[in-house]
Amino acid sequence: RERLIDGVKTGNIATVDFDNDTIEFNGEVHQMKPMGDVRPVIEAGGLFNYARQSGMIPKA
């Protein structure tokens, strides 16, 4: 089984398609596992932004 980490190098540009669970780099598209509960955190811009938006911590 191919490991994506073996093909990605520092400085590469990658494009992640959250709707189709794919990542593209080096001209190749690779299927990823579904993001599940992580996706809202990423879409919020990180863990602290997600916690603020969802009311878990006070807004700054």
Protein backbone atom coordinates (compact mmCIF):
# COMPACT_ATOMS: atom_id res chain seq x y z
CA ARG A 1 0.00 0.00 0.00
CA GLU A 2 1.33 3.42 -0.96
CA ARG A 3 1.98 5.93 1.81
CA LEU A 4 1.32 9.52 0.76
CA ILE A 5 4.02 10.80 3.10
CA ASP A 6 6.63 9.02 0.97
CA GLY A 7 5.72 11.12 -2.07
CA VAL A 8 5.31 14.57 -0.50
CA LYS A 9 8.39 16.72 -0.02
CA THR A 10 8.95 20.10 1.62
CA GLY A 11 7.98 22.82 -0.83
CA ASN A 12 5.44 20.73 -2.76
CA ILE A 13 2.06 22.31 -3.33
CA ALA A 14 -0.90 20.12 -2.47
CA THR A 15 -4.59 20.69 -3.14
CA VAL A 16 -7.11 19.04 -0.83
CA ASP A 17 -10.68 18.49 -2.06
CA PHE A 18 -12.77 17.99 1.07
CA ASP A 19 -15.95 17.22 -0.88
CA ASN A 20 -14.36 14.28 -2.70
CA ASP A 21 -11.78 13.30 -0.05
CA THR A 22 -8.85 13.63 -2.44
CA ILE A 23 -5.44 15.26 -2.34
CA GLU A 24 -3.47 16.26 -5.43
CA PHE A 25 0.28 16.79 -5.57
CA ASN A 26 3.00 16.16 -8.14
CA GLY A 27 0.28 15.97 -10.81
CA GLU A 28 -1.39 12.93 -9.22
CA VAL A 29 -4.73 12.68 -7.41
CA HIS A 30 -4.89 10.38 -4.40
CA GLN A 31 -7.96 9.18 -2.53
CA MET A 32 -8.04 9.87 1.21
CA LYS A 33 -10.16 8.43 3.99
CA PRO A 34 -13.18 10.61 4.83
CA MET A 35 -12.30 13.52 7.14
CA GLY A 36 -15.24 12.86 9.47
CA ASP A 37 -15.30 15.00 12.62
CA VAL A 38 -12.05 16.76 11.67
CA ARG A 39 -13.60 18.61 8.74
CA PRO A 40 -15.49 21.27 10.77
CA VAL A 41 -12.28 22.06 12.67
CA ILE A 42 -10.37 22.56 9.42
CA GLU A 43 -13.16 24.64 7.88
CA ALA A 44 -13.22 26.88 10.98
CA GLY A 45 -9.53 27.61 10.54
CA GLY A 46 -8.16 25.52 13.38
CA LEU A 47 -9.00 24.08 16.76
CA PHE A 48 -9.24 27.36 18.69
CA ASN A 49 -11.40 29.02 16.02
CA TYR A 50 -13.68 25.98 16.03
CA ALA A 51 -13.94 26.07 19.83
CA ARG A 52 -14.81 29.78 19.75
CA GLN A 53 -17.38 29.37 16.97
CA SER A 54 -19.05 26.44 18.72
CA GLY A 55 -19.14 28.21 22.10
CA MET A 56 -16.65 25.90 23.83
CA ILE A 57 -14.44 28.86 24.77
CA PRO A 58 -15.16 32.59 24.89
CA LYS A 59 -14.55 34.65 21.79
CA ALA A 60 -11.45 36.82 22.03
